[in-house]
Amino acid sequence: MSKQFRIWESVQLHETVKSCIELRFKLEQICIEQQKQLAELPDSLMPSELLYMIVASNEAMYNKLLEQNLLKTLNPTTNLNIH
């Protein structure tokens, strides 16, 4: 079995994925408003298309960590077994 991330690491990962989700949403919103593809948006420090791929993959990895129960959270887990 894999070892879980510690609480403080999990909090940092959660904050990072939260920022990624906000950034992904903003990029999608700009594309809709300007009726452009990601590749057509102006670059910041990196191409917008690359930035989108980074934040989308970060979000996917975070969700996988949650699925594999590798993140410790302060939320109690629910027992789905009915006795």
N, C-alpha and C. Protein backbone atom coordinates (compact mmCIF):
# COMPACT_ATOMS: atom_id res chain seq x y z
N MET A 1 0.84 -1.19 0.00
CA MET A 1 0.00 0.00 0.00
C MET A 1 0.88 1.25 0.00
N SER A 2 0.50 2.23 -0.75
CA SER A 2 1.24 3.48 -0.82
C SER A 2 0.99 4.33 0.42
N LYS A 3 1.96 5.12 0.76
CA LYS A 3 1.88 5.99 1.93
C LYS A 3 1.14 7.27 1.56
N GLN A 4 0.25 7.72 2.45
CA GLN A 4 -0.50 8.96 2.21
C GLN A 4 0.41 10.18 2.38
N PHE A 5 0.04 11.26 1.68
CA PHE A 5 0.69 12.54 1.92
C PHE A 5 0.30 13.03 3.30
N ARG A 6 1.19 13.76 3.94
CA ARG A 6 0.87 14.32 5.25
C ARG A 6 -0.13 15.47 5.09
N ILE A 7 -0.79 15.82 6.18
CA ILE A 7 -1.84 16.85 6.15
C ILE A 7 -1.32 18.14 5.52
N TRP A 8 -0.17 18.63 5.95
CA TRP A 8 0.32 19.92 5.42
C TRP A 8 0.68 19.81 3.95
N GLU A 9 1.11 18.65 3.50
CA GLU A 9 1.36 18.47 2.07
C GLU A 9 0.03 18.42 1.31
N SER A 10 -0.94 17.77 1.90
CA SER A 10 -2.26 17.67 1.28
C SER A 10 -2.90 19.05 1.14
N VAL A 11 -2.75 19.88 2.15
CA VAL A 11 -3.31 21.23 2.10
C VAL A 11 -2.65 22.02 0.97
N GLN A 12 -1.35 21.90 0.84
CA GLN A 12 -0.64 22.61 -0.23
C GLN A 12 -1.09 22.09 -1.60
N LEU A 13 -1.25 20.78 -1.74
CA LEU A 13 -1.74 20.22 -3.00
C LEU A 13 -3.16 20.71 -3.29
N HIS A 14 -3.99 20.77 -2.26
CA HIS A 14 -5.36 21.24 -2.44
C HIS A 14 -5.38 22.70 -2.90
N GLU A 15 -4.58 23.54 -2.29
CA GLU A 15 -4.53 24.95 -2.68
C GLU A 15 -4.01 25.11 -4.11
N THR A 16 -3.04 24.30 -4.49
CA THR A 16 -2.51 24.36 -5.84
C THR A 16 -3.56 23.96 -6.86
N VAL A 17 -4.28 22.86 -6.59
CA VAL A 17 -5.30 22.42 -7.55
C VAL A 17 -6.45 23.42 -7.60
N LYS A 18 -6.74 24.06 -6.50
CA LYS A 18 -7.78 25.10 -6.49
C LYS A 18 -7.39 26.25 -7.43
N SER A 19 -6.14 26.66 -7.36
CA SER A 19 -5.65 27.72 -8.26
C SER A 19 -5.67 27.25 -9.71
N CYS A 20 -5.33 25.99 -9.94
CA CYS A 20 -5.35 25.44 -11.30
C CYS A 20 -6.76 25.42 -11.87
N ILE A 21 -7.72 25.04 -11.06
CA ILE A 21 -9.12 25.01 -11.52
C ILE A 21 -9.58 26.41 -11.88
N GLU A 22 -9.24 27.39 -11.04
CA GLU A 22 -9.61 28.78 -11.32
C GLU A 22 -8.96 29.27 -12.61
N LEU A 23 -7.69 28.92 -12.80
CA LEU A 23 -6.97 29.35 -14.00
C LEU A 23 -7.55 28.67 -15.25
N ARG A 24 -7.85 27.38 -15.16
CA ARG A 24 -8.45 26.66 -16.29
C ARG A 24 -9.78 27.28 -16.67
N PHE A 25 -10.59 27.58 -15.65
CA PHE A 25 -11.90 28.20 -15.89
C PHE A 25 -11.72 29.55 -16.57
N LYS A 26 -10.76 30.35 -16.12
CA LYS A 26 -10.53 31.67 -16.69
C LYS A 26 -10.09 31.57 -18.15
N LEU A 27 -9.20 30.61 -18.45
CA LEU A 27 -8.77 30.41 -19.83
C LEU A 27 -9.94 30.01 -20.72
N GLU A 28 -10.78 29.10 -20.22
CA GLU A 28 -11.95 28.68 -21.00
C GLU A 28 -12.91 29.84 -21.21
N GLN A 29 -13.08 30.66 -20.18
CA GLN A 29 -13.97 31.82 -20.26
C GLN A 29 -13.47 32.82 -21.30
N ILE A 30 -12.18 33.07 -21.32
CA ILE A 30 -11.60 34.00 -22.30
C ILE A 30 -11.80 33.46 -23.72
N CYS A 31 -11.60 32.15 -23.90
CA CYS A 31 -11.80 31.54 -25.22
C CYS A 31 -13.24 31.73 -25.69
N ILE A 32 -14.18 31.53 -24.80
CA ILE A 32 -15.60 31.69 -25.16
C ILE A 32 -15.91 33.14 -25.49
N GLU A 33 -15.47 34.05 -24.62
CA GLU A 33 -15.76 35.47 -24.82
C GLU A 33 -15.14 36.01 -26.11
N GLN A 34 -13.92 35.59 -26.40
CA GLN A 34 -13.22 36.11 -27.57
C GLN A 34 -13.40 35.22 -28.80
N GLN A 35 -14.13 34.12 -28.62
CA GLN A 35 -14.37 33.15 -29.70
C GLN A 35 -13.07 32.74 -30.37
N LYS A 36 -12.13 32.30 -29.54
CA LYS A 36 -10.82 31.88 -30.01
C LYS A 36 -10.48 30.50 -29.44
N GLN A 37 -9.54 29.83 -30.10
CA GLN A 37 -8.98 28.58 -29.59
C GLN A 37 -7.85 28.94 -28.62
N LEU A 38 -7.46 27.97 -27.77
CA LEU A 38 -6.37 28.23 -26.83
C LEU A 38 -5.09 28.68 -27.53
N ALA A 39 -4.78 28.07 -28.64
CA ALA A 39 -3.55 28.41 -29.37
C ALA A 39 -3.58 29.85 -29.90
N GLU A 40 -4.76 30.43 -30.02
CA GLU A 40 -4.89 31.79 -30.54
C GLU A 40 -4.79 32.86 -29.46
N LEU A 41 -4.83 32.46 -28.20
CA LEU A 41 -4.72 33.43 -27.10
C LEU A 41 -3.29 33.93 -27.01
N PRO A 42 -3.12 35.17 -26.53
CA PRO A 42 -1.75 35.68 -26.37
C PRO A 42 -1.03 34.92 -25.25
N ASP A 43 0.27 34.80 -25.39
CA ASP A 43 1.06 34.11 -24.39
C ASP A 43 1.31 35.01 -23.19
N SER A 44 1.48 34.39 -22.03
CA SER A 44 1.93 35.13 -20.84
C SER A 44 3.42 34.83 -20.74
N LEU A 45 3.85 34.13 -19.72
CA LEU A 45 5.25 33.71 -19.65
C LEU A 45 5.46 32.43 -20.46
N MET A 46 4.36 31.77 -20.79
CA MET A 46 4.42 30.55 -21.60
C MET A 46 3.20 30.54 -22.50
N PRO A 47 3.20 29.74 -23.52
CA PRO A 47 2.03 29.67 -24.40
C PRO A 47 0.77 29.27 -23.63
N SER A 48 -0.33 29.91 -23.92
CA SER A 48 -1.59 29.66 -23.21
C SER A 48 -2.02 28.20 -23.32
N GLU A 49 -1.78 27.59 -24.46
CA GLU A 49 -2.15 26.19 -24.66
C GLU A 49 -1.35 25.27 -23.71
N LEU A 50 -0.08 25.54 -23.54
CA LEU A 50 0.76 24.78 -22.62
C LEU A 50 0.31 25.00 -21.18
N LEU A 51 0.01 26.23 -20.83
CA LEU A 51 -0.47 26.55 -19.50
C LEU A 51 -1.75 25.78 -19.19
N TYR A 52 -2.66 25.71 -20.14
CA TYR A 52 -3.90 24.98 -19.96
C TYR A 52 -3.63 23.49 -19.74
N MET A 53 -2.72 22.91 -20.53
CA MET A 53 -2.39 21.49 -20.37
C MET A 53 -1.79 21.22 -18.99
N ILE A 54 -0.98 22.13 -18.49
CA ILE A 54 -0.36 21.95 -17.17
C ILE A 54 -1.43 21.96 -16.08
N VAL A 55 -2.32 22.93 -16.11
CA VAL A 55 -3.32 23.01 -15.05
C VAL A 55 -4.33 21.87 -15.15
N ALA A 56 -4.67 21.45 -16.36
CA ALA A 56 -5.61 20.34 -16.52
C ALA A 56 -4.99 19.03 -16.03
N SER A 57 -3.71 18.81 -16.32
CA SER A 57 -3.07 17.58 -15.86
C SER A 57 -2.87 17.59 -14.35
N ASN A 58 -2.60 18.77 -13.78
CA ASN A 58 -2.48 18.87 -12.33
C ASN A 58 -3.80 18.51 -11.66
N GLU A 59 -4.88 18.99 -12.21
CA GLU A 59 -6.20 18.67 -11.68
C GLU A 59 -6.49 17.17 -11.78
N ALA A 60 -6.13 16.56 -12.90
CA ALA A 60 -6.34 15.12 -13.09
C ALA A 60 -5.50 14.31 -12.10
N MET A 61 -4.26 14.71 -11.88
CA MET A 61 -3.41 14.00 -10.92
C MET A 61 -3.95 14.12 -9.50
N TYR A 62 -4.43 15.31 -9.14
CA TYR A 62 -5.01 15.52 -7.82
C TYR A 62 -6.22 14.60 -7.63
N ASN A 63 -7.10 14.53 -8.64
CA ASN A 63 -8.27 13.66 -8.54
C ASN A 63 -7.87 12.20 -8.41
N LYS A 64 -6.80 11.80 -9.08
CA LYS A 64 -6.30 10.42 -8.96
C LYS A 64 -5.79 10.15 -7.55
N LEU A 65 -5.10 11.11 -6.97
CA LEU A 65 -4.64 10.96 -5.58
C LEU A 65 -5.82 10.78 -4.63
N LEU A 66 -6.89 11.53 -4.87
CA LEU A 66 -8.09 11.38 -4.04
C LEU A 66 -8.70 10.00 -4.22
N GLU A 67 -8.82 9.54 -5.47
CA GLU A 67 -9.38 8.22 -5.76
C GLU A 67 -8.59 7.11 -5.08
N GLN A 68 -7.27 7.24 -5.08
CA GLN A 68 -6.40 6.21 -4.51
C GLN A 68 -6.24 6.37 -2.99
N ASN A 69 -6.96 7.34 -2.41
CA ASN A 69 -6.91 7.60 -0.97
C ASN A 69 -5.47 7.90 -0.51
N LEU A 70 -4.75 8.68 -1.30
CA LEU A 70 -3.37 9.02 -0.96
C LEU A 70 -3.24 10.39 -0.32
N LEU A 71 -4.34 11.13 -0.23
CA LEU A 71 -4.33 12.44 0.43
C LEU A 71 -5.02 12.34 1.77
N LYS A 72 -4.38 12.89 2.78
CA LYS A 72 -5.04 13.00 4.07
C LYS A 72 -5.80 14.31 4.07
N THR A 73 -7.05 14.26 4.46
CA THR A 73 -7.83 15.48 4.55
C THR A 73 -8.36 15.62 5.96
N LEU A 74 -8.81 16.80 6.28
CA LEU A 74 -9.38 17.02 7.60
C LEU A 74 -10.85 16.61 7.65
N ASN A 75 -11.39 16.21 6.49
CA ASN A 75 -12.77 15.75 6.44
C ASN A 75 -12.85 14.32 6.89
N PRO A 76 -13.80 13.98 7.76
CA PRO A 76 -13.93 12.58 8.18
C PRO A 76 -14.41 11.71 7.01
N THR A 77 -13.92 10.51 6.95
CA THR A 77 -14.37 9.59 5.91
C THR A 77 -15.65 8.91 6.38
N THR A 78 -16.52 8.63 5.45
CA THR A 78 -17.77 7.96 5.82
C THR A 78 -17.62 6.48 5.58
N ASN A 79 -18.20 5.71 6.48
CA ASN A 79 -18.18 4.27 6.34
C ASN A 79 -19.39 3.86 5.53
N LEU A 80 -19.15 3.28 4.35
CA LEU A 80 -20.25 2.92 3.47
C LEU A 80 -20.80 1.53 3.77
N ASN A 81 -20.17 0.82 4.72
CA ASN A 81 -20.65 -0.51 5.08
C ASN A 81 -21.84 -0.41 6.04
N ILE A 82 -22.92 -1.06 5.68
CA ILE A 82 -24.09 -1.07 6.56
C ILE A 82 -24.07 -2.38 7.32
N HIS A 83 -24.12 -2.30 8.64
CA HIS A 83 -24.08 -3.50 9.47
C HIS A 83 -25.46 -3.89 9.91
